[in-house]
Amino acid sequence: MPGLGLIPSGMGVIARLDGFNRRHPWSHNDHYGRWVLRNLRGVRSGRALDVGSGTGNLIDLLRRRFDVVVGVEPDLT
């Protein structure tokens, strides 16, 4: 409901999420990297693509299994 302040709208949501993420940094690549590798057992490809690679931690894990690994990260911050 508008005006109750329970759910921020527009850019306010983005600003609040950004503030939360800065106070509580978390990397999905760090958390799920080994799970990804376990679920790639038996994959018959020499190449892997990591979209949204962040710090590159998942790329490092993928290099153990694939000959060529490419990471794309559009966020320059």
N, C-alpha and C. Protein backbone atom coordinates (compact mmCIF):
# COMPACT_ATOMS: atom_id res chain seq x y z
N MET A 1 0.84 -1.18 0.00
CA MET A 1 0.00 0.00 0.00
C MET A 1 0.88 1.24 0.00
N PRO A 2 0.60 2.16 -0.86
CA PRO A 2 1.39 3.39 -0.90
C PRO A 2 1.23 4.18 0.38
N GLY A 3 2.31 4.79 0.79
CA GLY A 3 2.27 5.68 1.93
C GLY A 3 2.50 5.04 3.28
N LEU A 4 2.49 3.73 3.37
CA LEU A 4 2.70 3.07 4.67
C LEU A 4 4.17 2.88 5.00
N GLY A 5 5.03 3.00 4.02
CA GLY A 5 6.46 2.85 4.27
C GLY A 5 6.90 1.41 4.47
N LEU A 6 6.01 0.47 4.22
CA LEU A 6 6.36 -0.93 4.40
C LEU A 6 7.18 -1.47 3.23
N ILE A 7 6.84 -1.04 2.04
CA ILE A 7 7.54 -1.50 0.84
C ILE A 7 8.04 -0.27 0.09
N PRO A 8 9.36 -0.02 0.09
CA PRO A 8 9.87 1.14 -0.63
C PRO A 8 9.66 0.95 -2.13
N SER A 9 9.48 2.04 -2.85
CA SER A 9 9.22 1.91 -4.29
C SER A 9 10.32 2.57 -5.10
N GLY A 10 10.35 2.22 -6.38
CA GLY A 10 11.28 2.85 -7.32
C GLY A 10 12.73 2.68 -6.92
N MET A 11 13.51 3.75 -7.10
CA MET A 11 14.94 3.72 -6.80
C MET A 11 15.21 3.52 -5.32
N GLY A 12 14.23 3.76 -4.48
CA GLY A 12 14.42 3.53 -3.06
C GLY A 12 14.73 2.07 -2.76
N VAL A 13 14.10 1.17 -3.49
CA VAL A 13 14.35 -0.26 -3.31
C VAL A 13 15.79 -0.57 -3.69
N ILE A 14 16.22 -0.05 -4.81
CA ILE A 14 17.58 -0.30 -5.29
C ILE A 14 18.59 0.25 -4.29
N ALA A 15 18.36 1.44 -3.80
CA ALA A 15 19.28 2.05 -2.83
C ALA A 15 19.34 1.23 -1.54
N ARG A 16 18.20 0.75 -1.08
CA ARG A 16 18.18 -0.06 0.15
C ARG A 16 18.88 -1.40 -0.06
N LEU A 17 18.64 -2.03 -1.21
CA LEU A 17 19.33 -3.29 -1.50
C LEU A 17 20.83 -3.09 -1.62
N ASP A 18 21.22 -1.99 -2.27
CA ASP A 18 22.65 -1.70 -2.40
C ASP A 18 23.28 -1.50 -1.03
N GLY A 19 22.62 -0.77 -0.17
CA GLY A 19 23.13 -0.57 1.19
C GLY A 19 23.24 -1.88 1.95
N PHE A 20 22.22 -2.73 1.83
CA PHE A 20 22.25 -4.03 2.49
C PHE A 20 23.41 -4.87 1.98
N ASN A 21 23.59 -4.91 0.65
CA ASN A 21 24.68 -5.70 0.06
C ASN A 21 26.05 -5.19 0.48
N ARG A 22 26.19 -3.90 0.66
CA ARG A 22 27.47 -3.35 1.11
C ARG A 22 27.76 -3.74 2.56
N ARG A 23 26.72 -3.79 3.38
CA ARG A 23 26.91 -4.18 4.79
C ARG A 23 27.10 -5.69 4.95
N HIS A 24 26.55 -6.46 4.02
CA HIS A 24 26.58 -7.92 4.12
C HIS A 24 27.03 -8.52 2.78
N PRO A 25 28.29 -8.36 2.43
CA PRO A 25 28.74 -8.88 1.13
C PRO A 25 28.61 -10.40 1.07
N TRP A 26 28.17 -10.87 -0.09
CA TRP A 26 27.95 -12.30 -0.29
C TRP A 26 28.16 -12.60 -1.76
N SER A 27 28.85 -13.67 -2.05
CA SER A 27 29.11 -14.05 -3.44
C SER A 27 28.45 -15.38 -3.74
N HIS A 28 27.50 -15.38 -4.68
CA HIS A 28 26.86 -16.63 -5.06
C HIS A 28 27.88 -17.58 -5.69
N ASN A 29 28.92 -17.04 -6.36
CA ASN A 29 29.95 -17.91 -6.94
C ASN A 29 30.71 -18.65 -5.85
N ASP A 30 31.04 -17.98 -4.77
CA ASP A 30 31.72 -18.65 -3.66
C ASP A 30 30.82 -19.72 -3.04
N HIS A 31 29.57 -19.40 -2.91
CA HIS A 31 28.63 -20.30 -2.23
C HIS A 31 28.28 -21.52 -3.08
N TYR A 32 28.05 -21.32 -4.38
CA TYR A 32 27.56 -22.40 -5.25
C TYR A 32 28.60 -23.01 -6.17
N GLY A 33 29.84 -22.53 -6.16
CA GLY A 33 30.86 -23.00 -7.10
C GLY A 33 31.07 -24.49 -7.10
N ARG A 34 31.24 -25.07 -5.94
CA ARG A 34 31.48 -26.52 -5.86
C ARG A 34 30.22 -27.30 -6.26
N TRP A 35 29.04 -26.76 -5.96
CA TRP A 35 27.79 -27.38 -6.39
C TRP A 35 27.72 -27.42 -7.93
N VAL A 36 28.12 -26.31 -8.56
CA VAL A 36 28.13 -26.26 -10.02
C VAL A 36 29.04 -27.35 -10.57
N LEU A 37 30.25 -27.47 -10.03
CA LEU A 37 31.18 -28.50 -10.51
C LEU A 37 30.61 -29.91 -10.33
N ARG A 38 30.01 -30.17 -9.19
CA ARG A 38 29.42 -31.50 -8.95
C ARG A 38 28.35 -31.81 -9.99
N ASN A 39 27.57 -30.81 -10.36
CA ASN A 39 26.49 -31.02 -11.32
C ASN A 39 26.95 -31.02 -12.76
N LEU A 40 28.23 -30.73 -12.99
CA LEU A 40 28.78 -30.78 -14.34
C LEU A 40 29.53 -32.08 -14.60
N ARG A 41 29.51 -33.00 -13.65
CA ARG A 41 30.15 -34.30 -13.87
C ARG A 41 29.55 -34.95 -15.10
N GLY A 42 30.41 -35.46 -15.95
CA GLY A 42 29.94 -36.12 -17.15
C GLY A 42 29.70 -35.21 -18.33
N VAL A 43 29.82 -33.91 -18.14
CA VAL A 43 29.65 -32.98 -19.26
C VAL A 43 30.82 -33.16 -20.21
N ARG A 44 30.53 -33.32 -21.47
CA ARG A 44 31.56 -33.57 -22.48
C ARG A 44 31.79 -32.33 -23.34
N SER A 45 32.41 -31.34 -22.75
CA SER A 45 32.72 -30.11 -23.48
C SER A 45 34.06 -29.60 -23.02
N GLY A 46 34.79 -29.01 -23.92
CA GLY A 46 36.08 -28.45 -23.54
C GLY A 46 35.99 -26.98 -23.19
N ARG A 47 34.75 -26.40 -23.29
CA ARG A 47 34.61 -24.97 -23.07
C ARG A 47 33.49 -24.67 -22.08
N ALA A 48 33.69 -23.58 -21.30
CA ALA A 48 32.66 -23.14 -20.36
C ALA A 48 32.56 -21.62 -20.41
N LEU A 49 31.36 -21.11 -20.17
CA LEU A 49 31.10 -19.67 -20.13
C LEU A 49 30.48 -19.32 -18.80
N ASP A 50 31.07 -18.35 -18.10
CA ASP A 50 30.53 -17.86 -16.84
C ASP A 50 30.04 -16.44 -17.08
N VAL A 51 28.71 -16.26 -17.10
CA VAL A 51 28.12 -14.95 -17.31
C VAL A 51 27.84 -14.33 -15.96
N GLY A 52 28.36 -13.12 -15.75
CA GLY A 52 28.25 -12.48 -14.44
C GLY A 52 29.29 -13.04 -13.50
N SER A 53 30.51 -13.09 -13.96
CA SER A 53 31.58 -13.81 -13.25
C SER A 53 32.11 -13.11 -12.01
N GLY A 54 31.75 -11.87 -11.79
CA GLY A 54 32.16 -11.19 -10.56
C GLY A 54 33.66 -11.19 -10.37
N THR A 55 34.11 -11.74 -9.26
CA THR A 55 35.54 -11.74 -8.93
C THR A 55 36.31 -12.84 -9.65
N GLY A 56 35.62 -13.74 -10.33
CA GLY A 56 36.29 -14.80 -11.09
C GLY A 56 36.52 -16.09 -10.32
N ASN A 57 35.95 -16.21 -9.14
CA ASN A 57 36.16 -17.42 -8.34
C ASN A 57 35.60 -18.67 -9.02
N LEU A 58 34.44 -18.55 -9.66
CA LEU A 58 33.89 -19.71 -10.36
C LEU A 58 34.74 -20.06 -11.57
N ILE A 59 35.29 -19.05 -12.23
CA ILE A 59 36.17 -19.30 -13.37
C ILE A 59 37.36 -20.16 -12.93
N ASP A 60 37.93 -19.83 -11.80
CA ASP A 60 39.06 -20.62 -11.29
C ASP A 60 38.67 -22.08 -11.07
N LEU A 61 37.46 -22.31 -10.55
CA LEU A 61 37.01 -23.69 -10.36
C LEU A 61 36.75 -24.39 -11.69
N LEU A 62 36.15 -23.66 -12.64
CA LEU A 62 35.84 -24.26 -13.94
C LEU A 62 37.11 -24.64 -14.71
N ARG A 63 38.18 -23.91 -14.48
CA ARG A 63 39.44 -24.21 -15.16
C ARG A 63 39.97 -25.60 -14.81
N ARG A 64 39.56 -26.13 -13.68
CA ARG A 64 39.99 -27.47 -13.28
C ARG A 64 39.37 -28.54 -14.18
N ARG A 65 38.23 -28.23 -14.79
CA ARG A 65 37.49 -29.22 -15.56
C ARG A 65 37.47 -28.94 -17.06
N PHE A 66 37.58 -27.68 -17.48
CA PHE A 66 37.44 -27.32 -18.88
C PHE A 66 38.75 -26.77 -19.44
N ASP A 67 38.96 -27.00 -20.74
CA ASP A 67 40.17 -26.50 -21.40
C ASP A 67 40.12 -24.99 -21.59
N VAL A 68 38.96 -24.47 -21.94
CA VAL A 68 38.79 -23.03 -22.20
C VAL A 68 37.64 -22.53 -21.34
N VAL A 69 37.88 -21.47 -20.57
CA VAL A 69 36.84 -20.86 -19.75
C VAL A 69 36.83 -19.36 -20.05
N VAL A 70 35.64 -18.84 -20.34
CA VAL A 70 35.49 -17.41 -20.62
C VAL A 70 34.53 -16.85 -19.59
N GLY A 71 34.88 -15.71 -19.00
CA GLY A 71 34.03 -15.03 -18.06
C GLY A 71 33.63 -13.67 -18.58
N VAL A 72 32.35 -13.31 -18.38
CA VAL A 72 31.84 -12.01 -18.80
C VAL A 72 31.26 -11.34 -17.57
N GLU A 73 31.70 -10.12 -17.30
CA GLU A 73 31.21 -9.36 -16.16
C GLU A 73 30.89 -7.95 -16.60
N PRO A 74 29.60 -7.60 -16.71
CA PRO A 74 29.25 -6.25 -17.16
C PRO A 74 29.38 -5.17 -16.09
N ASP A 75 29.42 -5.55 -14.82
CA ASP A 75 29.51 -4.58 -13.73
C ASP A 75 30.95 -4.19 -13.50
N LEU A 76 31.29 -2.94 -13.75
CA LEU A 76 32.68 -2.49 -13.64
C LEU A 76 33.03 -2.00 -12.24
N THR A 77 32.10 -2.07 -11.29
CA THR A 77 32.40 -1.57 -9.94
C THR A 77 33.04 -2.62 -9.09
